[in-house]
Structures are given as C-alpha cells and as structure tokens.
Amino acid sequence: LLVVCGLLAGGASLFLNHPLKNSPKEF
C-alpha cells in the first residue's frame, strides 16, 4: 500500500504539477 501511495504521489507530482505557472501569456 505504501508503494502504491508513493507511486500515486509521484505520478501526481509529475502529471498534476503546473510547469508554466511563471510563464507569460505567450503563444
């Protein structure tokens, strides 16, 4: 269970992060 939670937490950090949070509104 701990391994699965770790994987889910890692996945969340990879896929649910906001990589463009400091990006200006450019195309």
mmCIF file of all heavy atoms, coordinates in Angstrom:
data_MODEL
# 
_entry.id   MODEL 
# 
loop_
_atom_site.group_PDB 
_atom_site.id 
_atom_site.type_symbol 
_atom_site.label_atom_id 
_atom_site.label_alt_id 
_atom_site.label_comp_id 
_atom_site.label_asym_id 
_atom_site.label_entity_id 
_atom_site.label_seq_id 
_atom_site.pdbx_PDB_ins_code 
_atom_site.Cartn_x 
_atom_site.Cartn_y 
_atom_site.Cartn_z 
_atom_site.occupancy 
_atom_site.B_iso_or_equiv 
_atom_site.pdbx_formal_charge 
_atom_site.auth_seq_id 
_atom_site.auth_comp_id 
_atom_site.auth_asym_id 
_atom_site.auth_atom_id 
_atom_site.pdbx_PDB_model_num 
ATOM 1   N N   . LEU A 1 1  ? 0.823  -1.206 0.000   1.00 0.00 ? 1  LEU A N   1 
ATOM 2   C CA  . LEU A 1 1  ? 0.000  0.000  0.000   1.00 0.00 ? 1  LEU A CA  1 
ATOM 3   C C   . LEU A 1 1  ? 0.855  1.254  0.000   1.00 0.00 ? 1  LEU A C   1 
ATOM 4   O O   . LEU A 1 1  ? 0.569  2.231  -0.719  1.00 0.00 ? 1  LEU A O   1 
ATOM 5   C CB  . LEU A 1 1  ? -0.923 -0.019 1.224   1.00 0.00 ? 1  LEU A CB  1 
ATOM 6   C CG  . LEU A 1 1  ? -1.890 1.179  1.366   1.00 0.00 ? 1  LEU A CG  1 
ATOM 7   C CD1 . LEU A 1 1  ? -2.834 1.220  0.165   1.00 0.00 ? 1  LEU A CD1 1 
ATOM 8   C CD2 . LEU A 1 1  ? -2.678 1.072  2.658   1.00 0.00 ? 1  LEU A CD2 1 
ATOM 9   N N   . LEU A 1 2  ? 1.929  1.214  0.778   1.00 0.00 ? 2  LEU A N   1 
ATOM 10  C CA  . LEU A 1 2  ? 2.835  2.371  0.830   1.00 0.00 ? 2  LEU A CA  1 
ATOM 11  C C   . LEU A 1 2  ? 3.511  2.600  -0.521  1.00 0.00 ? 2  LEU A C   1 
ATOM 12  O O   . LEU A 1 2  ? 3.694  3.747  -0.959  1.00 0.00 ? 2  LEU A O   1 
ATOM 13  C CB  . LEU A 1 2  ? 3.891  2.169  1.918   1.00 0.00 ? 2  LEU A CB  1 
ATOM 14  C CG  . LEU A 1 2  ? 3.378  2.239  3.368   1.00 0.00 ? 2  LEU A CG  1 
ATOM 15  C CD1 . LEU A 1 2  ? 4.496  1.848  4.338   1.00 0.00 ? 2  LEU A CD1 1 
ATOM 16  C CD2 . LEU A 1 2  ? 2.858  3.646  3.678   1.00 0.00 ? 2  LEU A CD2 1 
ATOM 17  N N   . VAL A 1 3  ? 3.867  1.499  -1.179  1.00 0.00 ? 3  VAL A N   1 
ATOM 18  C CA  . VAL A 1 3  ? 4.490  1.617  -2.500  1.00 0.00 ? 3  VAL A CA  1 
ATOM 19  C C   . VAL A 1 3  ? 3.516  2.229  -3.496  1.00 0.00 ? 3  VAL A C   1 
ATOM 20  O O   . VAL A 1 3  ? 3.863  3.121  -4.273  1.00 0.00 ? 3  VAL A O   1 
ATOM 21  C CB  . VAL A 1 3  ? 4.981  0.240  -2.996  1.00 0.00 ? 3  VAL A CB  1 
ATOM 22  C CG1 . VAL A 1 3  ? 5.398  0.327  -4.470  1.00 0.00 ? 3  VAL A CG1 1 
ATOM 23  C CG2 . VAL A 1 3  ? 6.126  -0.248 -2.141  1.00 0.00 ? 3  VAL A CG2 1 
ATOM 24  N N   . VAL A 1 4  ? 2.271  1.738  -3.485  1.00 0.00 ? 4  VAL A N   1 
ATOM 25  C CA  . VAL A 1 4  ? 1.253  2.275  -4.394  1.00 0.00 ? 4  VAL A CA  1 
ATOM 26  C C   . VAL A 1 4  ? 1.015  3.755  -4.121  1.00 0.00 ? 4  VAL A C   1 
ATOM 27  O O   . VAL A 1 4  ? 0.927  4.570  -5.043  1.00 0.00 ? 4  VAL A O   1 
ATOM 28  C CB  . VAL A 1 4  ? -0.069 1.480  -4.253  1.00 0.00 ? 4  VAL A CB  1 
ATOM 29  C CG1 . VAL A 1 4  ? -1.197 2.186  -5.001  1.00 0.00 ? 4  VAL A CG1 1 
ATOM 30  C CG2 . VAL A 1 4  ? 0.120  0.055  -4.771  1.00 0.00 ? 4  VAL A CG2 1 
ATOM 31  N N   . CYS A 1 5  ? 0.920  4.097  -2.825  1.00 0.00 ? 5  CYS A N   1 
ATOM 32  C CA  . CYS A 1 5  ? 0.710  5.513  -2.470  1.00 0.00 ? 5  CYS A CA  1 
ATOM 33  C C   . CYS A 1 5  ? 1.883  6.370  -2.944  1.00 0.00 ? 5  CYS A C   1 
ATOM 34  O O   . CYS A 1 5  ? 1.696  7.498  -3.420  1.00 0.00 ? 5  CYS A O   1 
ATOM 35  C CB  . CYS A 1 5  ? 0.538  5.648  -0.953  1.00 0.00 ? 5  CYS A CB  1 
ATOM 36  S SG  . CYS A 1 5  ? -1.023 4.984  -0.335  1.00 0.00 ? 5  CYS A SG  1 
ATOM 37  N N   . GLY A 1 6  ? 3.084  5.800  -2.810  1.00 0.00 ? 6  GLY A N   1 
ATOM 38  C CA  . GLY A 1 6  ? 4.257  6.538  -3.271  1.00 0.00 ? 6  GLY A CA  1 
ATOM 39  C C   . GLY A 1 6  ? 4.230  6.750  -4.763  1.00 0.00 ? 6  GLY A C   1 
ATOM 40  O O   . GLY A 1 6  ? 4.564  7.834  -5.260  1.00 0.00 ? 6  GLY A O   1 
ATOM 41  N N   . LEU A 1 7  ? 3.816  5.679  -5.477  1.00 0.00 ? 7  LEU A N   1 
ATOM 42  C CA  . LEU A 1 7  ? 3.727  5.801  -6.932  1.00 0.00 ? 7  LEU A CA  1 
ATOM 43  C C   . LEU A 1 7  ? 2.669  6.833  -7.328  1.00 0.00 ? 7  LEU A C   1 
ATOM 44  O O   . LEU A 1 7  ? 2.875  7.637  -8.248  1.00 0.00 ? 7  LEU A O   1 
ATOM 45  C CB  . LEU A 1 7  ? 3.403  4.450  -7.558  1.00 0.00 ? 7  LEU A CB  1 
ATOM 46  C CG  . LEU A 1 7  ? 4.529  3.407  -7.508  1.00 0.00 ? 7  LEU A CG  1 
ATOM 47  C CD1 . LEU A 1 7  ? 4.021  2.059  -8.014  1.00 0.00 ? 7  LEU A CD1 1 
ATOM 48  C CD2 . LEU A 1 7  ? 5.717  3.877  -8.343  1.00 0.00 ? 7  LEU A CD2 1 
ATOM 49  N N   . LEU A 1 8  ? 1.531  6.793  -6.628  1.00 0.00 ? 8  LEU A N   1 
ATOM 50  C CA  . LEU A 1 8  ? 0.463  7.744  -6.930  1.00 0.00 ? 8  LEU A CA  1 
ATOM 51  C C   . LEU A 1 8  ? 0.904  9.170  -6.632  1.00 0.00 ? 8  LEU A C   1 
ATOM 52  O O   . LEU A 1 8  ? 0.617  10.098 -7.382  1.00 0.00 ? 8  LEU A O   1 
ATOM 53  C CB  . LEU A 1 8  ? -0.797 7.400  -6.120  1.00 0.00 ? 8  LEU A CB  1 
ATOM 54  C CG  . LEU A 1 8  ? -1.533 6.129  -6.551  1.00 0.00 ? 8  LEU A CG  1 
ATOM 55  C CD1 . LEU A 1 8  ? -2.683 5.845  -5.584  1.00 0.00 ? 8  LEU A CD1 1 
ATOM 56  C CD2 . LEU A 1 8  ? -2.074 6.279  -7.974  1.00 0.00 ? 8  LEU A CD2 1 
ATOM 57  N N   . ALA A 1 9  ? 1.606  9.321  -5.495  1.00 0.00 ? 9  ALA A N   1 
ATOM 58  C CA  . ALA A 1 9  ? 2.088  10.659 -5.132  1.00 0.00 ? 9  ALA A CA  1 
ATOM 59  C C   . ALA A 1 9  ? 3.107  11.154 -6.153  1.00 0.00 ? 9  ALA A C   1 
ATOM 60  O O   . ALA A 1 9  ? 3.102  12.319 -6.550  1.00 0.00 ? 9  ALA A O   1 
ATOM 61  C CB  . ALA A 1 9  ? 2.709  10.637 -3.743  1.00 0.00 ? 9  ALA A CB  1 
ATOM 62  N N   . GLY A 1 10 ? 3.986  10.231 -6.598  1.00 0.00 ? 10 GLY A N   1 
ATOM 63  C CA  . GLY A 1 10 ? 4.967  10.611 -7.610  1.00 0.00 ? 10 GLY A CA  1 
ATOM 64  C C   . GLY A 1 10 ? 4.312  10.970 -8.918  1.00 0.00 ? 10 GLY A C   1 
ATOM 65  O O   . GLY A 1 10 ? 4.691  11.929 -9.586  1.00 0.00 ? 10 GLY A O   1 
ATOM 66  N N   . GLY A 1 11 ? 3.283  10.159 -9.287  1.00 0.00 ? 11 GLY A N   1 
ATOM 67  C CA  . GLY A 1 11 ? 2.546  10.452 -10.519 1.00 0.00 ? 11 GLY A CA  1 
ATOM 68  C C   . GLY A 1 11 ? 1.837  11.786 -10.439 1.00 0.00 ? 11 GLY A C   1 
ATOM 69  O O   . GLY A 1 11 ? 1.801  12.552 -11.407 1.00 0.00 ? 11 GLY A O   1 
ATOM 70  N N   . ALA A 1 12 ? 1.266  12.056 -9.256  1.00 0.00 ? 12 ALA A N   1 
ATOM 71  C CA  . ALA A 1 12 ? 0.564  13.332 -9.079  1.00 0.00 ? 12 ALA A CA  1 
ATOM 72  C C   . ALA A 1 12 ? 1.519  14.506 -9.224  1.00 0.00 ? 12 ALA A C   1 
ATOM 73  O O   . ALA A 1 12 ? 1.204  15.517 -9.835  1.00 0.00 ? 12 ALA A O   1 
ATOM 74  C CB  . ALA A 1 12 ? -0.123 13.362 -7.717  1.00 0.00 ? 12 ALA A CB  1 
ATOM 75  N N   . SER A 1 13 ? 2.725  14.328 -8.669  1.00 0.00 ? 13 SER A N   1 
ATOM 76  C CA  . SER A 1 13 ? 3.699  15.423 -8.761  1.00 0.00 ? 13 SER A CA  1 
ATOM 77  C C   . SER A 1 13 ? 4.163  15.628 -10.197 1.00 0.00 ? 13 SER A C   1 
ATOM 78  O O   . SER A 1 13 ? 4.503  16.737 -10.595 1.00 0.00 ? 13 SER A O   1 
ATOM 79  C CB  . SER A 1 13 ? 4.898  15.140 -7.857  1.00 0.00 ? 13 SER A CB  1 
ATOM 80  O OG  . SER A 1 13 ? 5.618  14.001 -8.312  1.00 0.00 ? 13 SER A OG  1 
ATOM 81  N N   . LEU A 1 14 ? 4.174  14.529 -10.993 1.00 0.00 ? 14 LEU A N   1 
ATOM 82  C CA  . LEU A 1 14 ? 4.604  14.641 -12.382 1.00 0.00 ? 14 LEU A CA  1 
ATOM 83  C C   . LEU A 1 14 ? 3.506  15.154 -13.301 1.00 0.00 ? 14 LEU A C   1 
ATOM 84  O O   . LEU A 1 14 ? 3.745  15.978 -14.172 1.00 0.00 ? 14 LEU A O   1 
ATOM 85  C CB  . LEU A 1 14 ? 5.075  13.268 -12.889 1.00 0.00 ? 14 LEU A CB  1 
ATOM 86  C CG  . LEU A 1 14 ? 6.470  12.808 -12.488 1.00 0.00 ? 14 LEU A CG  1 
ATOM 87  C CD1 . LEU A 1 14 ? 6.702  11.382 -12.959 1.00 0.00 ? 14 LEU A CD1 1 
ATOM 88  C CD2 . LEU A 1 14 ? 7.531  13.731 -13.065 1.00 0.00 ? 14 LEU A CD2 1 
ATOM 89  N N   . PHE A 1 15 ? 2.289  14.645 -13.094 1.00 0.00 ? 15 PHE A N   1 
ATOM 90  C CA  . PHE A 1 15 ? 1.215  14.924 -14.041 1.00 0.00 ? 15 PHE A CA  1 
ATOM 91  C C   . PHE A 1 15 ? 0.258  16.018 -13.609 1.00 0.00 ? 15 PHE A C   1 
ATOM 92  O O   . PHE A 1 15 ? -0.490 16.552 -14.428 1.00 0.00 ? 15 PHE A O   1 
ATOM 93  C CB  . PHE A 1 15 ? 0.415  13.634 -14.317 1.00 0.00 ? 15 PHE A CB  1 
ATOM 94  C CG  . PHE A 1 15 ? 1.270  12.498 -14.789 1.00 0.00 ? 15 PHE A CG  1 
ATOM 95  C CD1 . PHE A 1 15 ? 1.066  11.214 -14.322 1.00 0.00 ? 15 PHE A CD1 1 
ATOM 96  C CD2 . PHE A 1 15 ? 2.290  12.719 -15.706 1.00 0.00 ? 15 PHE A CD2 1 
ATOM 97  C CE1 . PHE A 1 15 ? 1.869  10.161 -14.758 1.00 0.00 ? 15 PHE A CE1 1 
ATOM 98  C CE2 . PHE A 1 15 ? 3.092  11.666 -16.152 1.00 0.00 ? 15 PHE A CE2 1 
ATOM 99  C CZ  . PHE A 1 15 ? 2.883  10.392 -15.675 1.00 0.00 ? 15 PHE A CZ  1 
ATOM 100 N N   . LEU A 1 16 ? 0.259  16.352 -12.324 1.00 0.00 ? 16 LEU A N   1 
ATOM 101 C CA  . LEU A 1 16 ? -0.670 17.375 -11.836 1.00 0.00 ? 16 LEU A CA  1 
ATOM 102 C C   . LEU A 1 16 ? 0.045  18.662 -11.429 1.00 0.00 ? 16 LEU A C   1 
ATOM 103 O O   . LEU A 1 16 ? -0.572 19.565 -10.870 1.00 0.00 ? 16 LEU A O   1 
ATOM 104 C CB  . LEU A 1 16 ? -1.482 16.828 -10.651 1.00 0.00 ? 16 LEU A CB  1 
ATOM 105 C CG  . LEU A 1 16 ? -2.323 15.581 -10.936 1.00 0.00 ? 16 LEU A CG  1 
ATOM 106 C CD1 . LEU A 1 16 ? -3.093 15.166 -9.689  1.00 0.00 ? 16 LEU A CD1 1 
ATOM 107 C CD2 . LEU A 1 16 ? -3.290 15.814 -12.098 1.00 0.00 ? 16 LEU A CD2 1 
ATOM 108 N N   . ASN A 1 17 ? 1.339  18.718 -11.722 1.00 0.00 ? 17 ASN A N   1 
ATOM 109 C CA  . ASN A 1 17 ? 2.059  19.963 -11.413 1.00 0.00 ? 17 ASN A CA  1 
ATOM 110 C C   . ASN A 1 17 ? 1.725  21.032 -12.466 1.00 0.00 ? 17 ASN A C   1 
ATOM 111 O O   . ASN A 1 17 ? 1.061  20.757 -13.473 1.00 0.00 ? 17 ASN A O   1 
ATOM 112 C CB  . ASN A 1 17 ? 3.562  19.716 -11.372 1.00 0.00 ? 17 ASN A CB  1 
ATOM 113 C CG  . ASN A 1 17 ? 4.133  19.385 -12.742 1.00 0.00 ? 17 ASN A CG  1 
ATOM 114 O OD1 . ASN A 1 17 ? 3.471  18.728 -13.532 1.00 0.00 ? 17 ASN A OD1 1 
ATOM 115 N ND2 . ASN A 1 17 ? 5.341  19.830 -13.006 1.00 0.00 ? 17 ASN A ND2 1 
ATOM 116 N N   . HIS A 1 18 ? 2.185  22.240 -12.244 1.00 0.00 ? 18 HIS A N   1 
ATOM 117 C CA  . HIS A 1 18 ? 1.885  23.359 -13.140 1.00 0.00 ? 18 HIS A CA  1 
ATOM 118 C C   . HIS A 1 18 ? 3.210  23.888 -13.703 1.00 0.00 ? 18 HIS A C   1 
ATOM 119 O O   . HIS A 1 18 ? 3.792  24.831 -13.153 1.00 0.00 ? 18 HIS A O   1 
ATOM 120 C CB  . HIS A 1 18 ? 1.126  24.461 -12.403 1.00 0.00 ? 18 HIS A CB  1 
ATOM 121 C CG  . HIS A 1 18 ? -0.185 24.005 -11.863 1.00 0.00 ? 18 HIS A CG  1 
ATOM 122 N ND1 . HIS A 1 18 ? -0.297 23.309 -10.671 1.00 0.00 ? 18 HIS A ND1 1 
ATOM 123 C CD2 . HIS A 1 18 ? -1.445 24.120 -12.351 1.00 0.00 ? 18 HIS A CD2 1 
ATOM 124 C CE1 . HIS A 1 18 ? -1.568 23.033 -10.450 1.00 0.00 ? 18 HIS A CE1 1 
ATOM 125 N NE2 . HIS A 1 18 ? -2.287 23.500 -11.460 1.00 0.00 ? 18 HIS A NE2 1 
ATOM 126 N N   . PRO A 1 19 ? 3.674  23.313 -14.802 1.00 0.00 ? 19 PRO A N   1 
ATOM 127 C CA  . PRO A 1 19 ? 5.003  23.659 -15.330 1.00 0.00 ? 19 PRO A CA  1 
ATOM 128 C C   . PRO A 1 19 ? 5.106  25.063 -15.914 1.00 0.00 ? 19 PRO A C   1 
ATOM 129 O O   . PRO A 1 19 ? 6.202  25.573 -16.102 1.00 0.00 ? 19 PRO A O   1 
ATOM 130 C CB  . PRO A 1 19 ? 5.229  22.604 -16.416 1.00 0.00 ? 19 PRO A CB  1 
ATOM 131 C CG  . PRO A 1 19 ? 3.863  22.214 -16.857 1.00 0.00 ? 19 PRO A CG  1 
ATOM 132 C CD  . PRO A 1 19 ? 3.025  22.260 -15.605 1.00 0.00 ? 19 PRO A CD  1 
ATOM 133 N N   . LEU A 1 20 ? 3.980  25.688 -16.202 1.00 0.00 ? 20 LEU A N   1 
ATOM 134 C CA  . LEU A 1 20 ? 4.023  27.008 -16.829 1.00 0.00 ? 20 LEU A CA  1 
ATOM 135 C C   . LEU A 1 20 ? 3.489  28.094 -15.901 1.00 0.00 ? 20 LEU A C   1 
ATOM 136 O O   . LEU A 1 20 ? 3.013  29.138 -16.360 1.00 0.00 ? 20 LEU A O   1 
ATOM 137 C CB  . LEU A 1 20 ? 3.205  26.999 -18.133 1.00 0.00 ? 20 LEU A CB  1 
ATOM 138 C CG  . LEU A 1 20 ? 3.619  25.938 -19.160 1.00 0.00 ? 20 LEU A CG  1 
ATOM 139 C CD1 . LEU A 1 20 ? 2.690  25.978 -20.363 1.00 0.00 ? 20 LEU A CD1 1 
ATOM 140 C CD2 . LEU A 1 20 ? 5.057  26.140 -19.601 1.00 0.00 ? 20 LEU A CD2 1 
ATOM 141 N N   . LYS A 1 21 ? 3.583  27.880 -14.604 1.00 0.00 ? 21 LYS A N   1 
ATOM 142 C CA  . LYS A 1 21 ? 2.982  28.837 -13.664 1.00 0.00 ? 21 LYS A CA  1 
ATOM 143 C C   . LYS A 1 21 ? 3.654  30.201 -13.699 1.00 0.00 ? 21 LYS A C   1 
ATOM 144 O O   . LYS A 1 21 ? 3.047  31.212 -13.361 1.00 0.00 ? 21 LYS A O   1 
ATOM 145 C CB  . LYS A 1 21 ? 3.019  28.272 -12.249 1.00 0.00 ? 21 LYS A CB  1 
ATOM 146 C CG  . LYS A 1 21 ? 4.410  27.965 -11.720 1.00 0.00 ? 21 LYS A CG  1 
ATOM 147 C CD  . LYS A 1 21 ? 4.319  27.317 -10.333 1.00 0.00 ? 21 LYS A CD  1 
ATOM 148 C CE  . LYS A 1 21 ? 5.683  26.929 -9.800  1.00 0.00 ? 21 LYS A CE  1 
ATOM 149 N NZ  . LYS A 1 21 ? 5.586  26.276 -8.473  1.00 0.00 ? 21 LYS A NZ  1 
ATOM 150 N N   . ASN A 1 22 ? 4.916  30.240 -14.132 1.00 0.00 ? 22 ASN A N   1 
ATOM 151 C CA  . ASN A 1 22 ? 5.609  31.530 -14.216 1.00 0.00 ? 22 ASN A CA  1 
ATOM 152 C C   . ASN A 1 22 ? 5.707  32.033 -15.655 1.00 0.00 ? 22 ASN A C   1 
ATOM 153 O O   . ASN A 1 22 ? 6.430  32.967 -15.952 1.00 0.00 ? 22 ASN A O   1 
ATOM 154 C CB  . ASN A 1 22 ? 7.021  31.418 -13.635 1.00 0.00 ? 22 ASN A CB  1 
ATOM 155 C CG  . ASN A 1 22 ? 6.990  31.130 -12.138 1.00 0.00 ? 22 ASN A CG  1 
ATOM 156 O OD1 . ASN A 1 22 ? 6.134  31.638 -11.436 1.00 0.00 ? 22 ASN A OD1 1 
ATOM 157 N ND2 . ASN A 1 22 ? 7.913  30.310 -11.680 1.00 0.00 ? 22 ASN A ND2 1 
ATOM 158 N N   . SER A 1 23 ? 4.966  31.379 -16.555 1.00 0.00 ? 23 SER A N   1 
ATOM 159 C CA  . SER A 1 23 ? 5.058  31.730 -17.975 1.00 0.00 ? 23 SER A CA  1 
ATOM 160 C C   . SER A 1 23 ? 4.188  32.932 -18.306 1.00 0.00 ? 23 SER A C   1 
ATOM 161 O O   . SER A 1 23 ? 3.043  33.020 -17.883 1.00 0.00 ? 23 SER A O   1 
ATOM 162 C CB  . SER A 1 23 ? 4.607  30.543 -18.826 1.00 0.00 ? 23 SER A CB  1 
ATOM 163 O OG  . SER A 1 23 ? 4.476  30.922 -20.174 1.00 0.00 ? 23 SER A OG  1 
ATOM 164 N N   . PRO A 1 24 ? 4.726  33.887 -19.078 1.00 0.00 ? 24 PRO A N   1 
ATOM 165 C CA  . PRO A 1 24 ? 3.870  34.980 -19.557 1.00 0.00 ? 24 PRO A CA  1 
ATOM 166 C C   . PRO A 1 24 ? 2.856  34.415 -20.539 1.00 0.00 ? 24 PRO A C   1 
ATOM 167 O O   . PRO A 1 24 ? 3.037  33.324 -21.073 1.00 0.00 ? 24 PRO A O   1 
ATOM 168 C CB  . PRO A 1 24 ? 4.857  35.921 -20.253 1.00 0.00 ? 24 PRO A CB  1 
ATOM 169 C CG  . PRO A 1 24 ? 5.991  35.035 -20.655 1.00 0.00 ? 24 PRO A CG  1 
ATOM 170 C CD  . PRO A 1 24 ? 6.103  33.994 -19.579 1.00 0.00 ? 24 PRO A CD  1 
ATOM 171 N N   . LYS A 1 25 ? 1.800  35.163 -20.812 1.00 0.00 ? 25 LYS A N   1 
ATOM 172 C CA  . LYS A 1 25 ? 0.747  34.655 -21.693 1.00 0.00 ? 25 LYS A CA  1 
ATOM 173 C C   . LYS A 1 25 ? 1.162  34.802 -23.156 1.00 0.00 ? 25 LYS A C   1 
ATOM 174 O O   . LYS A 1 25 ? 0.640  35.629 -23.892 1.00 0.00 ? 25 LYS A O   1 
ATOM 175 C CB  . LYS A 1 25 ? -0.567 35.382 -21.410 1.00 0.00 ? 25 LYS A CB  1 
ATOM 176 C CG  . LYS A 1 25 ? -1.172 35.021 -20.073 1.00 0.00 ? 25 LYS A CG  1 
ATOM 177 C CD  . LYS A 1 25 ? -2.564 35.589 -19.906 1.00 0.00 ? 25 LYS A CD  1 
ATOM 178 C CE  . LYS A 1 25 ? -3.211 35.118 -18.616 1.00 0.00 ? 25 LYS A CE  1 
ATOM 179 N NZ  . LYS A 1 25 ? -4.572 35.651 -18.441 1.00 0.00 ? 25 LYS A NZ  1 
ATOM 180 N N   . GLU A 1 26 ? 2.097  33.960 -23.546 1.00 0.00 ? 26 GLU A N   1 
ATOM 181 C CA  . GLU A 1 26 ? 2.566  33.943 -24.921 1.00 0.00 ? 26 GLU A CA  1 
ATOM 182 C C   . GLU A 1 26 ? 2.051  32.698 -25.622 1.00 0.00 ? 26 GLU A C   1 
ATOM 183 O O   . GLU A 1 26 ? 1.674  31.717 -24.985 1.00 0.00 ? 26 GLU A O   1 
ATOM 184 C CB  . GLU A 1 26 ? 4.095  33.981 -24.963 1.00 0.00 ? 26 GLU A CB  1 
ATOM 185 C CG  . GLU A 1 26 ? 4.694  35.266 -24.416 1.00 0.00 ? 26 GLU A CG  1 
ATOM 186 C CD  . GLU A 1 26 ? 6.211  35.257 -24.473 1.00 0.00 ? 26 GLU A CD  1 
ATOM 187 O OE1 . GLU A 1 26 ? 6.755  34.242 -24.955 1.00 0.00 ? 26 GLU A OE1 1 
ATOM 188 O OE2 . GLU A 1 26 ? 6.826  36.234 -24.037 1.00 0.00 ? 26 GLU A OE2 1 
ATOM 189 N N   . PHE A 1 27 ? 2.070  32.750 -26.953 1.00 0.00 ? 27 PHE A N   1 
ATOM 190 C CA  . PHE A 1 27 ? 1.628  31.601 -27.738 1.00 0.00 ? 27 PHE A CA  1 
ATOM 191 C C   . PHE A 1 27 ? 2.783  30.628 -27.958 1.00 0.00 ? 27 PHE A C   1 
ATOM 192 O O   . PHE A 1 27 ? 3.931  31.032 -28.135 1.00 0.00 ? 27 PHE A O   1 
ATOM 193 C CB  . PHE A 1 27 ? 1.094  32.051 -29.100 1.00 0.00 ? 27 PHE A CB  1 
ATOM 194 C CG  . PHE A 1 27 ? -0.323 32.550 -29.071 1.00 0.00 ? 27 PHE A CG  1 
ATOM 195 C CD1 . PHE A 1 27 ? -0.585 33.908 -29.063 1.00 0.00 ? 27 PHE A CD1 1 
ATOM 196 C CD2 . PHE A 1 27 ? -1.388 31.663 -29.063 1.00 0.00 ? 27 PHE A CD2 1 
ATOM 197 C CE1 . PHE A 1 27 ? -1.888 34.380 -29.041 1.00 0.00 ? 27 PHE A CE1 1 
ATOM 198 C CE2 . PHE A 1 27 ? -2.696 32.118 -29.040 1.00 0.00 ? 27 PHE A CE2 1 
ATOM 199 C CZ  . PHE A 1 27 ? -2.949 33.484 -29.025 1.00 0.00 ? 27 PHE A CZ  1 
# 
